[in-house]
Amino acid sequence: MHRIIFRLRTGHCCLKAHLRGIGVAESATCDCGEGDQTPEHVLQACPLLDQLRIQTWPDPTDLRTKMWGALEDLERTSMFVASSGFRA
């Protein structure tokens, strides 16, 4: 859990925006095509993850809570990322 949260917070993760920034990926665009694949996009907006997002957070939850909230919030965020198929 700690590694996932740290990587999301710093942006140093295996998402395309970071990989593009360090010259490993050709594009930062998410597979959904609706934005760069950043922690914010994956946690808040990627339509490919809508179902999982609703299952994980039935009530709207802001990004700050997902990345800086209480232990329960951070555990939920880690489970979401682990279940998403994306590597943080």
C-alpha atoms as a PDB file:
ATOM      1  CA  MET A   1       0.000   0.000   0.000  1.00  0.00           C
ATOM      2  CA  HIS A   2       2.687   2.515   0.985  1.00  0.00           C
ATOM      3  CA  ARG A   3       4.551   2.143  -2.293  1.00  0.00           C
ATOM      4  CA  ILE A   4       1.397   2.720  -4.370  1.00  0.00           C
ATOM      5  CA  ILE A   5       0.417   5.828  -2.414  1.00  0.00           C
ATOM      6  CA  PHE A   6       3.965   7.230  -2.520  1.00  0.00           C
ATOM      7  CA  ARG A   7       4.188   6.734  -6.261  1.00  0.00           C
ATOM      8  CA  LEU A   8       0.784   8.308  -6.877  1.00  0.00           C
ATOM      9  CA  ARG A   9       1.631  11.294  -4.706  1.00  0.00           C
ATOM     10  CA  THR A  10       4.979  11.947  -6.360  1.00  0.00           C
ATOM     11  CA  GLY A  11       3.866  11.052  -9.879  1.00  0.00           C
ATOM     12  CA  HIS A  12       6.869   8.727 -10.203  1.00  0.00           C
ATOM     13  CA  CYS A  13       4.874   5.719 -11.276  1.00  0.00           C
ATOM     14  CA  CYS A  14       4.322   3.446 -14.254  1.00  0.00           C
ATOM     15  CA  LEU A  15       1.525   5.570 -15.682  1.00  0.00           C
ATOM     16  CA  LYS A  16       2.075   6.879 -19.195  1.00  0.00           C
ATOM     17  CA  ALA A  17       2.430  10.558 -18.251  1.00  0.00           C
ATOM     18  CA  HIS A  18       5.483   9.815 -16.130  1.00  0.00           C
ATOM     19  CA  LEU A  19       6.883   7.279 -18.568  1.00  0.00           C
ATOM     20  CA  ARG A  20       6.585   9.849 -21.363  1.00  0.00           C
ATOM     21  CA  GLY A  21       8.325  12.412 -19.187  1.00  0.00           C
ATOM     22  CA  ILE A  22      11.345  10.173 -18.741  1.00  0.00           C
ATOM     23  CA  GLY A  23      11.414   9.136 -22.395  1.00  0.00           C
ATOM     24  CA  VAL A  24      10.195   5.563 -21.972  1.00  0.00           C
ATOM     25  CA  ALA A  25       6.752   5.946 -23.598  1.00  0.00           C
ATOM     26  CA  GLU A  26       5.930   7.675 -26.867  1.00  0.00           C
ATOM     27  CA  SER A  27       2.670   9.132 -25.590  1.00  0.00           C
ATOM     28  CA  ALA A  28       1.217  10.197 -22.248  1.00  0.00           C
ATOM     29  CA  THR A  29      -2.338   9.633 -23.479  1.00  0.00           C
ATOM     30  CA  CYS A  30      -4.394   7.119 -21.523  1.00  0.00           C
ATOM     31  CA  ASP A  31      -5.788   4.084 -23.333  1.00  0.00           C
ATOM     32  CA  CYS A  32      -9.240   5.684 -23.027  1.00  0.00           C
ATOM     33  CA  GLY A  33      -8.049   8.560 -25.241  1.00  0.00           C
ATOM     34  CA  GLU A  34      -9.609  11.194 -23.001  1.00  0.00           C
ATOM     35  CA  GLY A  35      -6.540  12.612 -21.330  1.00  0.00           C
ATOM     36  CA  ASP A  36      -3.043  11.966 -20.136  1.00  0.00           C
ATOM     37  CA  GLN A  37      -2.674   8.919 -17.941  1.00  0.00           C
ATOM     38  CA  THR A  38      -1.881  10.675 -14.664  1.00  0.00           C
ATOM     39  CA  PRO A  39      -2.768   9.656 -11.109  1.00  0.00           C
ATOM     40  CA  GLU A  40      -5.595  12.202 -11.112  1.00  0.00           C
ATOM     41  CA  HIS A  41      -7.002  10.908 -14.399  1.00  0.00           C
ATOM     42  CA  VAL A  42      -6.876   7.269 -13.302  1.00  0.00           C
ATOM     43  CA  LEU A  43      -8.400   7.930  -9.869  1.00  0.00           C
ATOM     44  CA  GLN A  44     -11.018  10.469 -10.913  1.00  0.00           C
ATOM     45  CA  ALA A  45     -11.923  10.418 -14.577  1.00  0.00           C
ATOM     46  CA  CYS A  46     -10.808   7.495 -16.735  1.00  0.00           C
ATOM     47  CA  PRO A  47     -13.991   6.029 -18.252  1.00  0.00           C
ATOM     48  CA  LEU A  48     -12.335   2.612 -18.511  1.00  0.00           C
ATOM     49  CA  LEU A  49     -12.428   2.491 -14.715  1.00  0.00           C
ATOM     50  CA  ASP A  50     -15.915   3.893 -14.092  1.00  0.00           C
ATOM     51  CA  GLN A  51     -17.375   0.592 -12.812  1.00  0.00           C
ATOM     52  CA  LEU A  52     -14.438  -0.113 -10.532  1.00  0.00           C
ATOM     53  CA  ARG A  53     -14.496   3.499  -9.296  1.00  0.00           C
ATOM     54  CA  ILE A  54     -18.199   3.224  -8.384  1.00  0.00           C
ATOM     55  CA  GLN A  55     -17.605  -0.098  -6.627  1.00  0.00           C
ATOM     56  CA  THR A  56     -14.664   1.337  -4.699  1.00  0.00           C
ATOM     57  CA  TRP A  57     -16.181   4.720  -3.894  1.00  0.00           C
ATOM     58  CA  PRO A  58     -20.010   4.500  -4.057  1.00  0.00           C
ATOM     59  CA  ASP A  59     -20.190   8.154  -3.012  1.00  0.00           C
ATOM     60  CA  PRO A  60     -18.250  10.870  -4.847  1.00  0.00           C
ATOM     61  CA  THR A  61     -14.809  11.210  -3.259  1.00  0.00           C
ATOM     62  CA  ASP A  62     -12.345  13.975  -4.000  1.00  0.00           C
ATOM     63  CA  LEU A  63      -8.760  13.382  -5.074  1.00  0.00           C
ATOM     64  CA  ARG A  64      -7.334  14.823  -1.860  1.00  0.00           C
ATOM     65  CA  THR A  65      -9.155  12.192   0.203  1.00  0.00           C
ATOM     66  CA  LYS A  66      -8.062   9.408  -2.122  1.00  0.00           C
ATOM     67  CA  MET A  67      -4.389  10.410  -1.938  1.00  0.00           C
ATOM     68  CA  TRP A  68      -4.047  12.108   1.448  1.00  0.00           C
ATOM     69  CA  GLY A  69      -6.978  10.835   3.521  1.00  0.00           C
ATOM     70  CA  ALA A  70      -7.184   8.563   6.523  1.00  0.00           C
ATOM     71  CA  LEU A  71      -5.698   5.073   6.515  1.00  0.00           C
ATOM     72  CA  GLU A  72      -8.995   3.571   5.322  1.00  0.00           C
ATOM     73  CA  ASP A  73      -9.059   6.000   2.382  1.00  0.00           C
ATOM     74  CA  LEU A  74      -5.499   5.143   1.393  1.00  0.00           C
ATOM     75  CA  GLU A  75      -6.190   1.412   1.638  1.00  0.00           C
ATOM     76  CA  ARG A  76      -9.195   1.869  -0.636  1.00  0.00           C
ATOM     77  CA  THR A  77      -7.082   3.821  -3.131  1.00  0.00           C
ATOM     78  CA  SER A  78      -4.404   1.115  -3.108  1.00  0.00           C
ATOM     79  CA  MET A  79      -6.990  -1.602  -3.703  1.00  0.00           C
ATOM     80  CA  PHE A  80      -8.467   0.414  -6.566  1.00  0.00           C
ATOM     81  CA  VAL A  81      -5.091   0.816  -8.257  1.00  0.00           C
ATOM     82  CA  ALA A  82      -4.202  -2.842  -7.722  1.00  0.00           C
ATOM     83  CA  SER A  83      -7.553  -3.903  -9.246  1.00  0.00           C
ATOM     84  CA  SER A  84      -7.370  -1.424 -12.126  1.00  0.00           C
ATOM     85  CA  GLY A  85      -4.712  -3.231 -14.113  1.00  0.00           C
ATOM     86  CA  PHE A  86      -2.554  -0.090 -14.100  1.00  0.00           C
ATOM     87  CA  ARG A  87       0.779  -0.236 -12.361  1.00  0.00           C
ATOM     88  CA  ALA A  88       1.533   2.614 -10.043  1.00  0.00           C
END
